[in-house]
All heavy atoms as atom14 arrays in JSON, in Angstrom:
{
  "sequence": "ALSDPSGGLYIAESTKVIARAVAAGHRPRSVLVQERRVDDIRAIVG",
  "atom14_mask": [
    [1, 1, 1, 1, 1, 0, 0, 0, 0, 0, 0, 0, 0, 0],
    [1, 1, 1, 1, 1, 1, 1, 1, 0, 0, 0, 0, 0, 0],
    [1, 1, 1, 1, 1, 1, 0, 0, 0, 0, 0, 0, 0, 0],
    [1, 1, 1, 1, 1, 1, 1, 1, 0, 0, 0, 0, 0, 0],
    [1, 1, 1, 1, 1, 1, 1, 0, 0, 0, 0, 0, 0, 0],
    [1, 1, 1, 1, 1, 1, 0, 0, 0, 0, 0, 0, 0, 0],
    [1, 1, 1, 1, 0, 0, 0, 0, 0, 0, 0, 0, 0, 0],
    [1, 1, 1, 1, 0, 0, 0, 0, 0, 0, 0, 0, 0, 0],
    [1, 1, 1, 1, 1, 1, 1, 1, 0, 0, 0, 0, 0, 0],
    [1, 1, 1, 1, 1, 1, 1, 1, 1, 1, 1, 1, 0, 0],
    [1, 1, 1, 1, 1, 1, 1, 1, 0, 0, 0, 0, 0, 0],
    [1, 1, 1, 1, 1, 0, 0, 0, 0, 0, 0, 0, 0, 0],
    [1, 1, 1, 1, 1, 1, 1, 1, 1, 0, 0, 0, 0, 0],
    [1, 1, 1, 1, 1, 1, 0, 0, 0, 0, 0, 0, 0, 0],
    [1, 1, 1, 1, 1, 1, 1, 0, 0, 0, 0, 0, 0, 0],
    [1, 1, 1, 1, 1, 1, 1, 1, 1, 0, 0, 0, 0, 0],
    [1, 1, 1, 1, 1, 1, 1, 0, 0, 0, 0, 0, 0, 0],
    [1, 1, 1, 1, 1, 1, 1, 1, 0, 0, 0, 0, 0, 0],
    [1, 1, 1, 1, 1, 0, 0, 0, 0, 0, 0, 0, 0, 0],
    [1, 1, 1, 1, 1, 1, 1, 1, 1, 1, 1, 0, 0, 0],
    [1, 1, 1, 1, 1, 0, 0, 0, 0, 0, 0, 0, 0, 0],
    [1, 1, 1, 1, 1, 1, 1, 0, 0, 0, 0, 0, 0, 0],
    [1, 1, 1, 1, 1, 0, 0, 0, 0, 0, 0, 0, 0, 0],
    [1, 1, 1, 1, 1, 0, 0, 0, 0, 0, 0, 0, 0, 0],
    [1, 1, 1, 1, 0, 0, 0, 0, 0, 0, 0, 0, 0, 0],
    [1, 1, 1, 1, 1, 1, 1, 1, 1, 1, 0, 0, 0, 0],
    [1, 1, 1, 1, 1, 1, 1, 1, 1, 1, 1, 0, 0, 0],
    [1, 1, 1, 1, 1, 1, 1, 0, 0, 0, 0, 0, 0, 0],
    [1, 1, 1, 1, 1, 1, 1, 1, 1, 1, 1, 0, 0, 0],
    [1, 1, 1, 1, 1, 1, 0, 0, 0, 0, 0, 0, 0, 0],
    [1, 1, 1, 1, 1, 1, 1, 0, 0, 0, 0, 0, 0, 0],
    [1, 1, 1, 1, 1, 1, 1, 1, 0, 0, 0, 0, 0, 0],
    [1, 1, 1, 1, 1, 1, 1, 0, 0, 0, 0, 0, 0, 0],
    [1, 1, 1, 1, 1, 1, 1, 1, 1, 0, 0, 0, 0, 0],
    [1, 1, 1, 1, 1, 1, 1, 1, 1, 0, 0, 0, 0, 0],
    [1, 1, 1, 1, 1, 1, 1, 1, 1, 1, 1, 0, 0, 0],
    [1, 1, 1, 1, 1, 1, 1, 1, 1, 1, 1, 0, 0, 0],
    [1, 1, 1, 1, 1, 1, 1, 0, 0, 0, 0, 0, 0, 0],
    [1, 1, 1, 1, 1, 1, 1, 1, 0, 0, 0, 0, 0, 0],
    [1, 1, 1, 1, 1, 1, 1, 1, 0, 0, 0, 0, 0, 0],
    [1, 1, 1, 1, 1, 1, 1, 1, 0, 0, 0, 0, 0, 0],
    [1, 1, 1, 1, 1, 1, 1, 1, 1, 1, 1, 0, 0, 0],
    [1, 1, 1, 1, 1, 0, 0, 0, 0, 0, 0, 0, 0, 0],
    [1, 1, 1, 1, 1, 1, 1, 1, 0, 0, 0, 0, 0, 0],
    [1, 1, 1, 1, 1, 1, 1, 0, 0, 0, 0, 0, 0, 0],
    [1, 1, 1, 1, 0, 0, 0, 0, 0, 0, 0, 0, 0, 0]
  ],
  "atom14_positions": [
    [[20.73, -47.43, 46.73], [22.14, -47.79, 46.73], [22.63, -48.3, 45.38], [23.81, -48.6, 45.22], [22.4, -48.86, 47.79], [0.0, 0.0, 0.0], [0.0, 0.0, 0.0], [0.0, 0.0, 0.0], [0.0, 0.0, 0.0], [0.0, 0.0, 0.0], [0.0, 0.0, 0.0], [0.0, 0.0, 0.0], [0.0, 0.0, 0.0], [0.0, 0.0, 0.0]],
    [[21.73, -48.42, 44.4], [22.15, -48.9, 43.09], [23.25, -48.0, 42.53], [23.16, -46.78, 42.55], [20.97, -48.89, 42.12], [19.94, -50.02, 42.28], [18.78, -49.8, 41.33], [20.56, -51.36, 42.02], [0.0, 0.0, 0.0], [0.0, 0.0, 0.0], [0.0, 0.0, 0.0], [0.0, 0.0, 0.0], [0.0, 0.0, 0.0], [0.0, 0.0, 0.0]],
    [[24.32, -48.63, 42.05], [25.44, -47.85, 41.53], [25.11, -47.19, 40.2], [25.74, -46.22, 39.8], [26.68, -48.74, 41.37], [26.4, -49.82, 40.5], [0.0, 0.0, 0.0], [0.0, 0.0, 0.0], [0.0, 0.0, 0.0], [0.0, 0.0, 0.0], [0.0, 0.0, 0.0], [0.0, 0.0, 0.0], [0.0, 0.0, 0.0], [0.0, 0.0, 0.0]],
    [[24.13, -47.71, 39.51], [23.74, -47.13, 38.24], [22.21, -47.04, 38.2], [21.53, -48.07, 38.19], [24.21, -48.0, 37.06], [23.78, -47.44, 35.72], [23.53, -46.24, 35.61], [23.69, -48.25, 34.78], [0.0, 0.0, 0.0], [0.0, 0.0, 0.0], [0.0, 0.0, 0.0], [0.0, 0.0, 0.0], [0.0, 0.0, 0.0], [0.0, 0.0, 0.0]],
    [[21.61, -45.87, 38.25], [22.23, -44.55, 38.23], [22.77, -44.13, 39.59], [22.35, -44.67, 40.61], [21.07, -43.64, 37.81], [19.88, -44.33, 38.38], [20.15, -45.81, 38.26], [0.0, 0.0, 0.0], [0.0, 0.0, 0.0], [0.0, 0.0, 0.0], [0.0, 0.0, 0.0], [0.0, 0.0, 0.0], [0.0, 0.0, 0.0], [0.0, 0.0, 0.0]],
    [[23.66, -43.15, 39.63], [24.34, -42.77, 40.86], [23.39, -42.21, 41.9], [23.61, -42.35, 43.09], [25.45, -41.76, 40.55], [24.91, -40.61, 39.93], [0.0, 0.0, 0.0], [0.0, 0.0, 0.0], [0.0, 0.0, 0.0], [0.0, 0.0, 0.0], [0.0, 0.0, 0.0], [0.0, 0.0, 0.0], [0.0, 0.0, 0.0], [0.0, 0.0, 0.0]],
    [[22.32, -41.55, 41.45], [21.39, -40.97, 42.4], [20.39, -41.94, 42.97], [19.61, -41.6, 43.85], [0.0, 0.0, 0.0], [0.0, 0.0, 0.0], [0.0, 0.0, 0.0], [0.0, 0.0, 0.0], [0.0, 0.0, 0.0], [0.0, 0.0, 0.0], [0.0, 0.0, 0.0], [0.0, 0.0, 0.0], [0.0, 0.0, 0.0], [0.0, 0.0, 0.0]],
    [[20.39, -43.16, 42.48], [19.42, -44.14, 42.95], [18.08, -44.01, 42.25], [17.89, -43.21, 41.34], [0.0, 0.0, 0.0], [0.0, 0.0, 0.0], [0.0, 0.0, 0.0], [0.0, 0.0, 0.0], [0.0, 0.0, 0.0], [0.0, 0.0, 0.0], [0.0, 0.0, 0.0], [0.0, 0.0, 0.0], [0.0, 0.0, 0.0], [0.0, 0.0, 0.0]],
    [[17.14, -44.83, 42.67], [15.83, -44.91, 42.04], [14.73, -44.83, 43.09], [14.99, -44.97, 44.29], [15.68, -46.24, 41.29], [16.7, -46.55, 40.2], [16.54, -48.01, 39.76], [16.53, -45.62, 39.02], [0.0, 0.0, 0.0], [0.0, 0.0, 0.0], [0.0, 0.0, 0.0], [0.0, 0.0, 0.0], [0.0, 0.0, 0.0], [0.0, 0.0, 0.0]],
    [[13.52, -44.6, 42.64], [12.35, -44.81, 43.47], [11.28, -45.42, 42.59], [11.36, -45.37, 41.36], [11.89, -43.53, 44.16], [11.26, -42.49, 43.24], [9.89, -42.5, 42.97], [12.04, -41.5, 42.65], [9.33, -41.56, 42.12], [11.47, -40.55, 41.81], [10.11, -40.58, 41.56], [9.54, -39.65, 40.72], [0.0, 0.0, 0.0], [0.0, 0.0, 0.0]],
    [[10.27, -46.01, 43.21], [9.19, -46.68, 42.47], [7.92, -45.84, 42.54], [7.51, -45.41, 43.62], [8.93, -48.08, 43.05], [10.15, -48.99, 42.85], [7.68, -48.7, 42.42], [10.49, -49.27, 41.41], [0.0, 0.0, 0.0], [0.0, 0.0, 0.0], [0.0, 0.0, 0.0], [0.0, 0.0, 0.0], [0.0, 0.0, 0.0], [0.0, 0.0, 0.0]],
    [[7.32, -45.58, 41.37], [6.05, -44.86, 41.29], [4.99, -45.82, 40.77], [5.19, -46.46, 39.74], [6.17, -43.66, 40.37], [0.0, 0.0, 0.0], [0.0, 0.0, 0.0], [0.0, 0.0, 0.0], [0.0, 0.0, 0.0], [0.0, 0.0, 0.0], [0.0, 0.0, 0.0], [0.0, 0.0, 0.0], [0.0, 0.0, 0.0], [0.0, 0.0, 0.0]],
    [[3.86, -45.91, 41.49], [2.77, -46.82, 41.12], [1.57, -46.05, 40.59], [1.24, -45.0, 41.13], [2.3, -47.61, 42.34], [3.24, -48.69, 42.81], [2.62, -49.41, 44.0], [1.66, -50.18, 43.8], [3.09, -49.19, 45.12], [0.0, 0.0, 0.0], [0.0, 0.0, 0.0], [0.0, 0.0, 0.0], [0.0, 0.0, 0.0], [0.0, 0.0, 0.0]],
    [[0.92, -46.57, 39.58], [-0.31, -46.09, 38.97], [-0.04, -45.0, 37.96], [0.92, -44.23, 38.07], [-1.33, -45.59, 40.01], [-1.09, -44.26, 40.4], [0.0, 0.0, 0.0], [0.0, 0.0, 0.0], [0.0, 0.0, 0.0], [0.0, 0.0, 0.0], [0.0, 0.0, 0.0], [0.0, 0.0, 0.0], [0.0, 0.0, 0.0], [0.0, 0.0, 0.0]],
    [[-0.91, -44.93, 36.96], [-0.73, -43.94, 35.91], [-0.84, -42.52, 36.45], [-0.13, -41.62, 35.99], [-1.77, -44.15, 34.78], [-3.08, -44.19, 35.36], [-1.5, -45.44, 34.04], [0.0, 0.0, 0.0], [0.0, 0.0, 0.0], [0.0, 0.0, 0.0], [0.0, 0.0, 0.0], [0.0, 0.0, 0.0], [0.0, 0.0, 0.0], [0.0, 0.0, 0.0]],
    [[-1.72, -42.29, 37.44], [-1.87, -40.94, 37.98], [-0.58, -40.48, 38.65], [-0.12, -39.34, 38.45], [-3.02, -40.91, 39.0], [-3.22, -39.54, 39.64], [-4.36, -39.54, 40.63], [-5.7, -39.59, 39.94], [-6.83, -39.42, 40.88], [0.0, 0.0, 0.0], [0.0, 0.0, 0.0], [0.0, 0.0, 0.0], [0.0, 0.0, 0.0], [0.0, 0.0, 0.0]],
    [[0.03, -41.35, 39.45], [1.26, -41.0, 40.15], [2.41, -40.81, 39.15], [3.19, -39.85, 39.26], [1.62, -42.08, 41.19], [3.04, -41.89, 41.72], [0.61, -42.04, 42.35], [0.0, 0.0, 0.0], [0.0, 0.0, 0.0], [0.0, 0.0, 0.0], [0.0, 0.0, 0.0], [0.0, 0.0, 0.0], [0.0, 0.0, 0.0], [0.0, 0.0, 0.0]],
    [[2.51, -41.71, 38.18], [3.58, -41.59, 37.18], [3.41, -40.3, 36.38], [4.39, -39.6, 36.09], [3.59, -42.83, 36.25], [3.93, -44.08, 37.06], [4.6, -42.66, 35.13], [3.67, -45.38, 36.31], [0.0, 0.0, 0.0], [0.0, 0.0, 0.0], [0.0, 0.0, 0.0], [0.0, 0.0, 0.0], [0.0, 0.0, 0.0], [0.0, 0.0, 0.0]],
    [[2.17, -39.98, 36.03], [1.91, -38.75, 35.28], [2.36, -37.53, 36.06], [2.96, -36.59, 35.5], [0.43, -38.65, 34.93], [0.0, 0.0, 0.0], [0.0, 0.0, 0.0], [0.0, 0.0, 0.0], [0.0, 0.0, 0.0], [0.0, 0.0, 0.0], [0.0, 0.0, 0.0], [0.0, 0.0, 0.0], [0.0, 0.0, 0.0], [0.0, 0.0, 0.0]],
    [[2.1, -37.51, 37.37], [2.51, -36.37, 38.19], [4.03, -36.3, 38.31], [4.6, -35.21, 38.33], [1.86, -36.46, 39.57], [0.38, -36.08, 39.55], [-0.26, -36.1, 40.91], [-1.59, -35.51, 40.86], [-2.49, -35.6, 41.84], [-2.18, -36.25, 42.96], [-3.67, -35.04, 41.72], [0.0, 0.0, 0.0], [0.0, 0.0, 0.0], [0.0, 0.0, 0.0]],
    [[4.67, -37.46, 38.4], [6.13, -37.47, 38.48], [6.75, -36.93, 37.19], [7.66, -36.09, 37.23], [6.63, -38.89, 38.75], [0.0, 0.0, 0.0], [0.0, 0.0, 0.0], [0.0, 0.0, 0.0], [0.0, 0.0, 0.0], [0.0, 0.0, 0.0], [0.0, 0.0, 0.0], [0.0, 0.0, 0.0], [0.0, 0.0, 0.0], [0.0, 0.0, 0.0]],
    [[6.25, -37.39, 36.07], [6.77, -36.93, 34.78], [6.49, -35.44, 34.59], [7.35, -34.68, 34.11], [6.17, -37.76, 33.63], [6.52, -37.16, 32.27], [6.66, -39.21, 33.7], [0.0, 0.0, 0.0], [0.0, 0.0, 0.0], [0.0, 0.0, 0.0], [0.0, 0.0, 0.0], [0.0, 0.0, 0.0], [0.0, 0.0, 0.0], [0.0, 0.0, 0.0]],
    [[5.31, -34.99, 34.98], [4.97, -33.57, 34.86], [5.88, -32.7, 35.72], [6.14, -31.54, 35.38], [3.51, -33.35, 35.25], [0.0, 0.0, 0.0], [0.0, 0.0, 0.0], [0.0, 0.0, 0.0], [0.0, 0.0, 0.0], [0.0, 0.0, 0.0], [0.0, 0.0, 0.0], [0.0, 0.0, 0.0], [0.0, 0.0, 0.0], [0.0, 0.0, 0.0]],
    [[6.37, -33.27, 36.83], [7.28, -32.53, 37.71], [8.73, -32.56, 37.21], [9.62, -32.01, 37.85], [7.22, -33.11, 39.12], [0.0, 0.0, 0.0], [0.0, 0.0, 0.0], [0.0, 0.0, 0.0], [0.0, 0.0, 0.0], [0.0, 0.0, 0.0], [0.0, 0.0, 0.0], [0.0, 0.0, 0.0], [0.0, 0.0, 0.0], [0.0, 0.0, 0.0]],
    [[8.95, -33.23, 36.07], [10.29, -33.27, 35.5], [11.11, -34.47, 35.88], [12.29, -34.56, 35.54], [0.0, 0.0, 0.0], [0.0, 0.0, 0.0], [0.0, 0.0, 0.0], [0.0, 0.0, 0.0], [0.0, 0.0, 0.0], [0.0, 0.0, 0.0], [0.0, 0.0, 0.0], [0.0, 0.0, 0.0], [0.0, 0.0, 0.0], [0.0, 0.0, 0.0]],
    [[10.51, -35.44, 36.59], [11.24, -36.64, 36.97], [11.34, -37.57, 35.76], [10.43, -37.64, 34.94], [10.53, -37.36, 38.12], [10.54, -36.57, 39.4], [10.47, -37.16, 40.64], [10.61, -35.24, 39.63], [10.48, -36.22, 41.57], [10.56, -35.05, 40.98], [0.0, 0.0, 0.0], [0.0, 0.0, 0.0], [0.0, 0.0, 0.0], [0.0, 0.0, 0.0]],
    [[12.45, -38.3, 35.7], [12.75, -39.09, 34.5], [12.61, -40.59, 34.78], [13.29, -41.12, 35.66], [14.19, -38.77, 34.07], [14.59, -39.3, 32.71], [15.85, -38.59, 32.24], [16.91, -38.62, 33.22], [17.87, -39.54, 33.28], [17.88, -40.53, 32.42], [18.82, -39.46, 34.19], [0.0, 0.0, 0.0], [0.0, 0.0, 0.0], [0.0, 0.0, 0.0]],
    [[11.71, -41.29, 34.06], [11.61, -42.73, 34.26], [12.79, -43.47, 33.63], [13.27, -43.1, 32.56], [10.3, -43.1, 33.55], [10.01, -41.98, 32.62], [10.72, -40.78, 33.1], [0.0, 0.0, 0.0], [0.0, 0.0, 0.0], [0.0, 0.0, 0.0], [0.0, 0.0, 0.0], [0.0, 0.0, 0.0], [0.0, 0.0, 0.0], [0.0, 0.0, 0.0]],
    [[13.26, -44.49, 34.33], [14.28, -45.36, 33.74], [13.62, -46.47, 32.93], [14.13, -46.88, 31.89], [15.17, -45.97, 34.82], [16.27, -46.87, 34.24], [17.43, -47.01, 35.15], [17.41, -48.22, 35.95], [18.51, -48.81, 36.41], [19.7, -48.3, 36.14], [18.42, -49.87, 37.16], [0.0, 0.0, 0.0], [0.0, 0.0, 0.0], [0.0, 0.0, 0.0]],
    [[12.48, -46.95, 33.43], [11.68, -47.93, 32.69], [10.29, -47.96, 33.29], [10.06, -47.39, 34.37], [12.32, -49.33, 32.76], [12.26, -49.84, 34.08], [0.0, 0.0, 0.0], [0.0, 0.0, 0.0], [0.0, 0.0, 0.0], [0.0, 0.0, 0.0], [0.0, 0.0, 0.0], [0.0, 0.0, 0.0], [0.0, 0.0, 0.0], [0.0, 0.0, 0.0]],
    [[9.38, -48.63, 32.6], [8.01, -48.79, 33.08], [7.63, -50.25, 32.93], [7.94, -50.89, 31.91], [7.02, -47.91, 32.29], [5.59, -48.14, 32.78], [7.39, -46.44, 32.39], [0.0, 0.0, 0.0], [0.0, 0.0, 0.0], [0.0, 0.0, 0.0], [0.0, 0.0, 0.0], [0.0, 0.0, 0.0], [0.0, 0.0, 0.0], [0.0, 0.0, 0.0]],
    [[6.98, -50.79, 33.95], [6.41, -52.13, 33.89], [4.9, -51.97, 33.85], [4.32, -51.33, 34.73], [6.84, -52.96, 35.11], [6.4, -54.43, 35.16], [7.42, -55.27, 35.93], [5.04, -54.58, 35.84], [0.0, 0.0, 0.0], [0.0, 0.0, 0.0], [0.0, 0.0, 0.0], [0.0, 0.0, 0.0], [0.0, 0.0, 0.0], [0.0, 0.0, 0.0]],
    [[4.26, -52.5, 32.81], [2.83, -52.28, 32.64], [2.13, -53.58, 32.29], [2.66, -54.39, 31.51], [2.58, -51.19, 31.56], [3.15, -51.6, 30.21], [1.09, -50.88, 31.43], [0.0, 0.0, 0.0], [0.0, 0.0, 0.0], [0.0, 0.0, 0.0], [0.0, 0.0, 0.0], [0.0, 0.0, 0.0], [0.0, 0.0, 0.0], [0.0, 0.0, 0.0]],
    [[0.99, -53.79, 32.87], [0.18, -54.94, 32.51], [-0.52, -54.65, 31.18], [-0.75, -53.49, 30.82], [-0.82, -55.25, 33.63], [-0.1, -55.74, 34.89], [-1.01, -55.83, 36.09], [-1.92, -55.03, 36.24], [-0.76, -56.8, 36.97], [0.0, 0.0, 0.0], [0.0, 0.0, 0.0], [0.0, 0.0, 0.0], [0.0, 0.0, 0.0], [0.0, 0.0, 0.0]],
    [[-0.82, -55.7, 30.46], [-1.29, -55.56, 29.08], [-2.5, -54.64, 28.95], [-2.6, -53.86, 28.0], [-1.61, -56.96, 28.52], [-0.35, -57.82, 28.35], [-0.65, -59.31, 28.26], [-1.77, -59.71, 28.68], [0.21, -60.07, 27.79], [0.0, 0.0, 0.0], [0.0, 0.0, 0.0], [0.0, 0.0, 0.0], [0.0, 0.0, 0.0], [0.0, 0.0, 0.0]],
    [[-3.4, -54.67, 29.92], [-4.64, -53.87, 29.82], [-4.39, -52.38, 30.01], [-5.29, -51.57, 29.77], [-5.65, -54.37, 30.85], [-5.26, -54.12, 32.3], [-6.27, -54.71, 33.26], [-6.0, -54.38, 34.65], [-5.13, -55.01, 35.41], [-4.43, -56.03, 34.91], [-4.94, -54.64, 36.67], [0.0, 0.0, 0.0], [0.0, 0.0, 0.0], [0.0, 0.0, 0.0]],
    [[-3.18, -51.99, 30.46], [-2.9, -50.59, 30.76], [-1.95, -49.92, 29.76], [-1.5, -48.8, 30.0], [-2.29, -50.49, 32.16], [-3.21, -50.92, 33.29], [-4.36, -49.95, 33.46], [-5.14, -50.25, 34.65], [-6.23, -49.59, 35.02], [-6.66, -48.61, 34.24], [-6.88, -49.9, 36.11], [0.0, 0.0, 0.0], [0.0, 0.0, 0.0], [0.0, 0.0, 0.0]],
    [[-1.66, -50.57, 28.66], [-0.68, -50.04, 27.71], [-1.12, -48.68, 27.16], [-0.33, -47.74, 27.08], [-0.44, -51.04, 26.55], [0.37, -50.38, 25.45], [0.29, -52.27, 27.07], [0.0, 0.0, 0.0], [0.0, 0.0, 0.0], [0.0, 0.0, 0.0], [0.0, 0.0, 0.0], [0.0, 0.0, 0.0], [0.0, 0.0, 0.0], [0.0, 0.0, 0.0]],
    [[-2.4, -48.55, 26.8], [-2.87, -47.28, 26.25], [-2.79, -46.15, 27.28], [-2.5, -45.0, 26.92], [-4.31, -47.42, 25.74], [-4.4, -48.24, 24.46], [-3.36, -48.39, 23.79], [-5.5, -48.74, 24.15], [0.0, 0.0, 0.0], [0.0, 0.0, 0.0], [0.0, 0.0, 0.0], [0.0, 0.0, 0.0], [0.0, 0.0, 0.0], [0.0, 0.0, 0.0]],
    [[-3.03, -46.49, 28.55], [-2.95, -45.47, 29.6], [-1.54, -44.92, 29.73], [-1.34, -43.71, 29.83], [-3.39, -46.06, 30.95], [-4.85, -46.49, 30.95], [-5.62, -45.99, 30.1], [-5.22, -47.32, 31.79], [0.0, 0.0, 0.0], [0.0, 0.0, 0.0], [0.0, 0.0, 0.0], [0.0, 0.0, 0.0], [0.0, 0.0, 0.0], [0.0, 0.0, 0.0]],
    [[-0.55, -45.8, 29.73], [0.83, -45.35, 29.91], [1.36, -44.68, 28.66], [2.23, -43.81, 28.72], [1.74, -46.52, 30.35], [2.99, -45.98, 31.06], [2.14, -47.4, 29.2], [2.72, -45.23, 32.33], [0.0, 0.0, 0.0], [0.0, 0.0, 0.0], [0.0, 0.0, 0.0], [0.0, 0.0, 0.0], [0.0, 0.0, 0.0], [0.0, 0.0, 0.0]],
    [[0.82, -45.06, 27.5], [1.26, -44.44, 26.24], [1.01, -42.93, 26.28], [1.8, -42.13, 25.77], [0.52, -45.08, 25.06], [1.12, -44.71, 23.69], [0.17, -45.15, 22.56], [-0.22, -46.54, 22.66], [0.49, -47.56, 22.19], [1.64, -47.33, 21.57], [0.04, -48.81, 22.32], [0.0, 0.0, 0.0], [0.0, 0.0, 0.0], [0.0, 0.0, 0.0]],
    [[-0.11, -42.52, 26.88], [-0.45, -41.1, 26.94], [0.52, -40.32, 27.83], [0.62, -39.11, 27.71], [-1.87, -40.94, 27.46], [0.0, 0.0, 0.0], [0.0, 0.0, 0.0], [0.0, 0.0, 0.0], [0.0, 0.0, 0.0], [0.0, 0.0, 0.0], [0.0, 0.0, 0.0], [0.0, 0.0, 0.0], [0.0, 0.0, 0.0], [0.0, 0.0, 0.0]],
    [[1.24, -41.03, 28.71], [2.13, -40.36, 29.66], [3.57, -40.35, 29.19], [4.26, -39.32, 29.24], [2.04, -41.04, 31.05], [0.6, -40.97, 31.57], [3.01, -40.41, 32.04], [0.34, -41.86, 32.76], [0.0, 0.0, 0.0], [0.0, 0.0, 0.0], [0.0, 0.0, 0.0], [0.0, 0.0, 0.0], [0.0, 0.0, 0.0], [0.0, 0.0, 0.0]],
    [[4.06, -41.5, 28.71], [5.48, -41.59, 28.37], [5.7, -41.88, 26.89], [6.82, -42.2, 26.48], [6.2, -42.66, 29.23], [6.07, -42.35, 30.7], [5.67, -44.07, 28.92], [0.0, 0.0, 0.0], [0.0, 0.0, 0.0], [0.0, 0.0, 0.0], [0.0, 0.0, 0.0], [0.0, 0.0, 0.0], [0.0, 0.0, 0.0], [0.0, 0.0, 0.0]],
    [[4.64, -41.78, 26.1], [4.74, -42.13, 24.68], [5.81, -41.37, 23.94], [6.42, -41.89, 22.99], [0.0, 0.0, 0.0], [0.0, 0.0, 0.0], [0.0, 0.0, 0.0], [0.0, 0.0, 0.0], [0.0, 0.0, 0.0], [0.0, 0.0, 0.0], [0.0, 0.0, 0.0], [0.0, 0.0, 0.0], [0.0, 0.0, 0.0], [0.0, 0.0, 0.0]]
  ]
}
């Protein structure tokens, strides 16, 4: 129901799931990452 963006959002957990979402053409609005996982997420959304 968030007015921005108009289509709303969903939450993806774990680098594997986020990687599959991005590979499918889905667009992240932001990422929340714990310090030990920065290098993992860099390979996906860098």
